[in-house]
Amino acid sequence: MSVTLTDAAARHVTRYMTKRGKGVGVRLGVKTTGCSGLAYKLEYADSIAPEDVVFEDNGVKVLVDPKSIAYIDGTRLDFVREGLNEGFKFINPNERDRCGCGESFRV
């Protein structure tokens, strides 16, 4: 099992946590929503919960709740800039389909 980050994603997370002045990493999970059924949720984490599955890549901790791990195992988190837009991109080998608006996915 693993969740990894590209160099760009790790740099962005590290830079943002330094700017925030706190944090242990990012919390990655899924929630039920959208036309395809699941959507990613990503937030900065200030503490590690006892039930968290912890991955570390490029010096950044990624915390995943046990219920989400089956859906995101093998996911690579990237941070991309496209024109004036920037944001995280999820490269998930478990995705079978993604809705047209790009907000949700199905495994």
N, C-alpha and C. Protein backbone atom coordinates (compact mmCIF):
# COMPACT_ATOMS: atom_id res chain seq x y z
N MET A 1 0.83 -1.19 0.00
CA MET A 1 0.00 0.00 0.00
C MET A 1 0.87 1.24 0.00
N SER A 2 0.42 2.23 -0.76
CA SER A 2 1.19 3.46 -0.76
C SER A 2 0.39 4.62 -1.36
N VAL A 3 0.74 5.80 -0.93
CA VAL A 3 0.29 7.06 -1.52
C VAL A 3 1.55 7.90 -1.62
N THR A 4 1.82 8.45 -2.80
CA THR A 4 3.07 9.19 -3.02
C THR A 4 2.77 10.59 -3.52
N LEU A 5 3.82 11.42 -3.49
CA LEU A 5 3.71 12.80 -3.97
C LEU A 5 4.82 13.06 -4.99
N THR A 6 4.50 13.86 -5.98
CA THR A 6 5.54 14.32 -6.90
C THR A 6 6.37 15.37 -6.17
N ASP A 7 7.52 15.71 -6.75
CA ASP A 7 8.35 16.77 -6.18
C ASP A 7 7.57 18.08 -6.08
N ALA A 8 6.78 18.39 -7.13
CA ALA A 8 6.01 19.64 -7.14
C ALA A 8 4.98 19.66 -6.02
N ALA A 9 4.29 18.55 -5.78
CA ALA A 9 3.30 18.48 -4.71
C ALA A 9 3.97 18.62 -3.35
N ALA A 10 5.09 17.95 -3.16
CA ALA A 10 5.81 18.02 -1.88
C ALA A 10 6.30 19.44 -1.62
N ARG A 11 6.82 20.11 -2.64
CA ARG A 11 7.28 21.49 -2.47
C ARG A 11 6.12 22.41 -2.09
N HIS A 12 4.97 22.23 -2.75
CA HIS A 12 3.82 23.08 -2.46
C HIS A 12 3.33 22.86 -1.04
N VAL A 13 3.19 21.60 -0.61
CA VAL A 13 2.72 21.30 0.74
C VAL A 13 3.69 21.85 1.77
N THR A 14 4.99 21.64 1.57
CA THR A 14 6.00 22.11 2.52
C THR A 14 5.97 23.64 2.61
N ARG A 15 5.89 24.30 1.48
CA ARG A 15 5.86 25.76 1.45
C ARG A 15 4.61 26.28 2.18
N TYR A 16 3.46 25.66 1.92
CA TYR A 16 2.23 26.12 2.55
C TYR A 16 2.23 25.86 4.06
N MET A 17 2.74 24.71 4.49
CA MET A 17 2.79 24.44 5.93
C MET A 17 3.74 25.40 6.63
N THR A 18 4.84 25.77 5.98
CA THR A 18 5.76 26.75 6.55
C THR A 18 5.05 28.10 6.68
N LYS A 19 4.29 28.48 5.67
CA LYS A 19 3.55 29.74 5.70
C LYS A 19 2.48 29.72 6.80
N ARG A 20 1.82 28.57 6.99
CA ARG A 20 0.81 28.41 8.05
C ARG A 20 1.44 28.45 9.43
N GLY A 21 2.68 27.99 9.53
CA GLY A 21 3.36 27.95 10.81
C GLY A 21 3.02 26.74 11.65
N LYS A 22 2.31 25.78 11.08
CA LYS A 22 1.95 24.57 11.79
C LYS A 22 1.53 23.50 10.79
N GLY A 23 1.40 22.27 11.29
CA GLY A 23 0.93 21.17 10.45
C GLY A 23 1.90 20.01 10.46
N VAL A 24 1.35 18.81 10.33
CA VAL A 24 2.18 17.60 10.27
C VAL A 24 2.17 16.98 8.88
N GLY A 25 1.28 17.45 8.01
CA GLY A 25 1.19 16.90 6.66
C GLY A 25 -0.18 17.18 6.07
N VAL A 26 -0.59 16.32 5.13
CA VAL A 26 -1.91 16.46 4.51
C VAL A 26 -2.73 15.22 4.78
N ARG A 27 -4.04 15.42 4.88
CA ARG A 27 -4.98 14.33 5.09
C ARG A 27 -5.71 14.12 3.76
N LEU A 28 -5.63 12.91 3.23
CA LEU A 28 -6.24 12.56 1.96
C LEU A 28 -7.29 11.48 2.21
N GLY A 29 -8.45 11.66 1.63
CA GLY A 29 -9.51 10.67 1.77
C GLY A 29 -10.51 10.80 0.63
N VAL A 30 -11.59 10.04 0.72
CA VAL A 30 -12.67 10.13 -0.25
C VAL A 30 -13.99 10.32 0.49
N LYS A 31 -14.94 10.91 -0.21
CA LYS A 31 -16.29 11.05 0.33
C LYS A 31 -17.26 10.67 -0.78
N THR A 32 -18.45 10.24 -0.38
CA THR A 32 -19.48 9.86 -1.34
C THR A 32 -20.19 11.13 -1.80
N THR A 33 -20.14 11.36 -3.12
CA THR A 33 -20.75 12.56 -3.69
C THR A 33 -20.65 12.51 -5.21
N GLY A 34 -21.26 13.46 -5.87
CA GLY A 34 -21.10 13.65 -7.30
C GLY A 34 -21.79 12.62 -8.16
N CYS A 35 -21.65 12.79 -9.46
CA CYS A 35 -22.34 11.90 -10.40
C CYS A 35 -21.70 10.53 -10.50
N SER A 36 -20.42 10.42 -10.22
CA SER A 36 -19.73 9.13 -10.35
C SER A 36 -19.62 8.40 -9.02
N GLY A 37 -19.94 9.04 -7.92
CA GLY A 37 -19.99 8.33 -6.65
C GLY A 37 -19.00 8.75 -5.58
N LEU A 38 -17.75 9.05 -5.95
CA LEU A 38 -16.72 9.38 -4.96
C LEU A 38 -16.00 10.67 -5.36
N ALA A 39 -15.55 11.41 -4.37
CA ALA A 39 -14.75 12.61 -4.62
C ALA A 39 -13.60 12.62 -3.62
N TYR A 40 -12.49 13.18 -4.04
CA TYR A 40 -11.33 13.30 -3.15
C TYR A 40 -11.57 14.42 -2.16
N LYS A 41 -11.04 14.24 -0.96
CA LYS A 41 -10.99 15.34 0.00
C LYS A 41 -9.55 15.45 0.47
N LEU A 42 -9.07 16.66 0.52
CA LEU A 42 -7.67 16.92 0.87
C LEU A 42 -7.64 18.14 1.76
N GLU A 43 -6.95 18.02 2.90
CA GLU A 43 -6.82 19.14 3.82
C GLU A 43 -5.49 19.04 4.56
N TYR A 44 -5.05 20.15 5.06
CA TYR A 44 -3.83 20.15 5.86
C TYR A 44 -4.16 19.60 7.24
N ALA A 45 -3.28 18.77 7.78
CA ALA A 45 -3.52 18.13 9.08
C ALA A 45 -2.57 18.70 10.12
N ASP A 46 -3.13 19.00 11.29
CA ASP A 46 -2.32 19.52 12.39
C ASP A 46 -1.94 18.45 13.40
N SER A 47 -2.58 17.27 13.28
CA SER A 47 -2.24 16.16 14.18
C SER A 47 -2.54 14.84 13.49
N ILE A 48 -1.95 13.78 14.02
CA ILE A 48 -2.15 12.44 13.48
C ILE A 48 -3.11 11.70 14.41
N ALA A 49 -4.22 11.22 13.85
CA ALA A 49 -5.19 10.45 14.63
C ALA A 49 -4.69 9.02 14.78
N PRO A 50 -5.06 8.35 15.87
CA PRO A 50 -4.59 6.98 16.09
C PRO A 50 -4.94 6.02 14.96
N GLU A 51 -6.07 6.24 14.30
CA GLU A 51 -6.50 5.33 13.24
C GLU A 51 -5.91 5.67 11.86
N ASP A 52 -5.22 6.80 11.73
CA ASP A 52 -4.64 7.20 10.44
C ASP A 52 -3.60 6.20 9.95
N VAL A 53 -3.63 5.94 8.64
CA VAL A 53 -2.55 5.22 7.98
C VAL A 53 -1.62 6.32 7.47
N VAL A 54 -0.35 6.25 7.84
CA VAL A 54 0.59 7.33 7.53
C VAL A 54 1.60 6.87 6.49
N PHE A 55 1.69 7.64 5.41
CA PHE A 55 2.70 7.44 4.38
C PHE A 55 3.60 8.67 4.39
N GLU A 56 4.86 8.49 4.08
CA GLU A 56 5.76 9.64 3.98
C GLU A 56 6.52 9.55 2.67
N ASP A 57 6.50 10.64 1.92
CA ASP A 57 7.19 10.69 0.63
C ASP A 57 7.72 12.10 0.43
N ASN A 58 8.92 12.22 -0.03
CA ASN A 58 9.54 13.53 -0.27
C ASN A 58 9.47 14.43 0.96
N GLY A 59 9.56 13.83 2.15
CA GLY A 59 9.57 14.60 3.37
C GLY A 59 8.21 15.07 3.85
N VAL A 60 7.13 14.62 3.21
CA VAL A 60 5.78 15.04 3.57
C VAL A 60 4.98 13.82 4.02
N LYS A 61 4.26 13.98 5.13
CA LYS A 61 3.38 12.92 5.62
C LYS A 61 2.01 13.04 4.96
N VAL A 62 1.50 11.91 4.48
CA VAL A 62 0.15 11.84 3.93
C VAL A 62 -0.64 10.92 4.86
N LEU A 63 -1.69 11.46 5.47
CA LEU A 63 -2.51 10.72 6.41
C LEU A 63 -3.80 10.28 5.71
N VAL A 64 -4.12 8.99 5.83
CA VAL A 64 -5.29 8.45 5.16
C VAL A 64 -6.13 7.69 6.18
N ASP A 65 -7.45 7.94 6.16
CA ASP A 65 -8.32 7.19 7.07
C ASP A 65 -8.49 5.77 6.51
N PRO A 66 -8.62 4.78 7.37
CA PRO A 66 -8.68 3.38 6.93
C PRO A 66 -9.79 3.08 5.94
N LYS A 67 -10.92 3.79 6.01
CA LYS A 67 -12.03 3.55 5.08
C LYS A 67 -11.71 3.99 3.66
N SER A 68 -10.82 4.96 3.51
CA SER A 68 -10.49 5.49 2.19
C SER A 68 -9.37 4.73 1.50
N ILE A 69 -8.57 4.01 2.25
CA ILE A 69 -7.35 3.41 1.69
C ILE A 69 -7.63 2.49 0.50
N ALA A 70 -8.72 1.74 0.53
CA ALA A 70 -9.02 0.82 -0.57
C ALA A 70 -9.25 1.57 -1.88
N TYR A 71 -9.75 2.80 -1.80
CA TYR A 71 -10.05 3.59 -3.00
C TYR A 71 -8.85 4.36 -3.53
N ILE A 72 -7.89 4.65 -2.66
CA ILE A 72 -6.78 5.52 -3.09
C ILE A 72 -5.41 4.87 -3.00
N ASP A 73 -5.36 3.58 -2.69
CA ASP A 73 -4.07 2.89 -2.65
C ASP A 73 -3.38 3.02 -4.01
N GLY A 74 -2.14 3.43 -4.01
CA GLY A 74 -1.38 3.60 -5.24
C GLY A 74 -1.49 4.98 -5.86
N THR A 75 -2.26 5.87 -5.24
CA THR A 75 -2.46 7.22 -5.79
C THR A 75 -1.19 8.05 -5.67
N ARG A 76 -0.94 8.83 -6.71
CA ARG A 76 0.17 9.78 -6.73
C ARG A 76 -0.45 11.17 -6.77
N LEU A 77 -0.05 12.01 -5.83
CA LEU A 77 -0.56 13.36 -5.73
C LEU A 77 0.42 14.31 -6.41
N ASP A 78 -0.10 15.11 -7.34
CA ASP A 78 0.73 16.06 -8.07
C ASP A 78 0.15 17.46 -7.86
N PHE A 79 0.97 18.47 -8.08
CA PHE A 79 0.53 19.86 -8.03
C PHE A 79 0.87 20.46 -9.37
N VAL A 80 -0.16 20.91 -10.11
CA VAL A 80 0.06 21.38 -11.48
C VAL A 80 -0.45 22.80 -11.66
N ARG A 81 0.20 23.49 -12.59
CA ARG A 81 -0.23 24.81 -13.02
C ARG A 81 -0.57 24.72 -14.50
N GLU A 82 -1.79 25.14 -14.83
CA GLU A 82 -2.25 25.14 -16.22
C GLU A 82 -2.82 26.52 -16.51
N GLY A 83 -2.06 27.32 -17.22
CA GLY A 83 -2.49 28.69 -17.46
C GLY A 83 -2.53 29.47 -16.16
N LEU A 84 -3.68 30.06 -15.86
CA LEU A 84 -3.83 30.82 -14.63
C LEU A 84 -4.31 29.94 -13.47
N ASN A 85 -4.62 28.69 -13.74
CA ASN A 85 -5.13 27.79 -12.71
C ASN A 85 -4.02 26.92 -12.14
N GLU A 86 -4.14 26.59 -10.87
CA GLU A 86 -3.22 25.68 -10.24
C GLU A 86 -3.97 24.87 -9.21
N GLY A 87 -3.50 23.66 -8.97
CA GLY A 87 -4.15 22.83 -7.97
C GLY A 87 -3.58 21.42 -7.95
N PHE A 88 -4.11 20.63 -7.04
CA PHE A 88 -3.66 19.26 -6.90
C PHE A 88 -4.34 18.38 -7.94
N LYS A 89 -3.59 17.42 -8.43
CA LYS A 89 -4.10 16.45 -9.40
C LYS A 89 -3.89 15.07 -8.79
N PHE A 90 -4.91 14.22 -8.85
CA PHE A 90 -4.84 12.88 -8.29
C PHE A 90 -4.66 11.88 -9.42
N ILE A 91 -3.56 11.15 -9.37
CA ILE A 91 -3.27 10.12 -10.37
C ILE A 91 -3.52 8.79 -9.66
N ASN A 92 -4.72 8.25 -9.87
CA ASN A 92 -5.18 7.09 -9.12
C ASN A 92 -5.38 5.90 -10.06
N PRO A 93 -4.58 4.84 -9.90
CA PRO A 93 -4.71 3.68 -10.78
C PRO A 93 -6.01 2.91 -10.56
N ASN A 94 -6.73 3.20 -9.49
CA ASN A 94 -8.00 2.51 -9.20
C ASN A 94 -9.20 3.14 -9.90
N GLU A 95 -9.04 4.36 -10.41
CA GLU A 95 -10.16 5.04 -11.08
C GLU A 95 -10.55 4.28 -12.33
N ARG A 96 -11.85 4.03 -12.48
CA ARG A 96 -12.37 3.37 -13.68
C ARG A 96 -13.10 4.35 -14.57
N ASP A 97 -13.59 5.42 -13.96
CA ASP A 97 -14.36 6.41 -14.70
C ASP A 97 -14.35 7.71 -13.92
N ARG A 98 -14.49 8.81 -14.62
CA ARG A 98 -14.53 10.13 -14.00
C ARG A 98 -15.69 10.88 -14.63
N CYS A 99 -16.42 11.64 -13.83
CA CYS A 99 -17.56 12.37 -14.38
C CYS A 99 -17.07 13.49 -15.31
N GLY A 100 -17.97 13.99 -16.13
CA GLY A 100 -17.62 15.01 -17.11
C GLY A 100 -17.09 16.29 -16.52
N CYS A 101 -17.56 16.65 -15.33
CA CYS A 101 -17.09 17.90 -14.72
C CYS A 101 -15.76 17.69 -13.99
N GLY A 102 -15.34 16.44 -13.83
CA GLY A 102 -14.06 16.15 -13.19
C GLY A 102 -14.07 16.20 -11.68
N GLU A 103 -15.23 16.34 -11.07
CA GLU A 103 -15.31 16.47 -9.61
C GLU A 103 -15.43 15.13 -8.88
N SER A 104 -15.88 14.08 -9.57
CA SER A 104 -16.04 12.80 -8.89
C SER A 104 -15.52 11.66 -9.77
N PHE A 105 -15.35 10.51 -9.15
CA PHE A 105 -14.81 9.36 -9.87
C PHE A 105 -15.45 8.07 -9.37
N ARG A 106 -15.19 6.99 -10.11
CA ARG A 106 -15.72 5.67 -9.75
C ARG A 106 -14.58 4.69 -9.80
N VAL A 107 -14.55 3.73 -8.86
CA VAL A 107 -13.52 2.69 -8.86
C VAL A 107 -14.13 1.37 -9.26
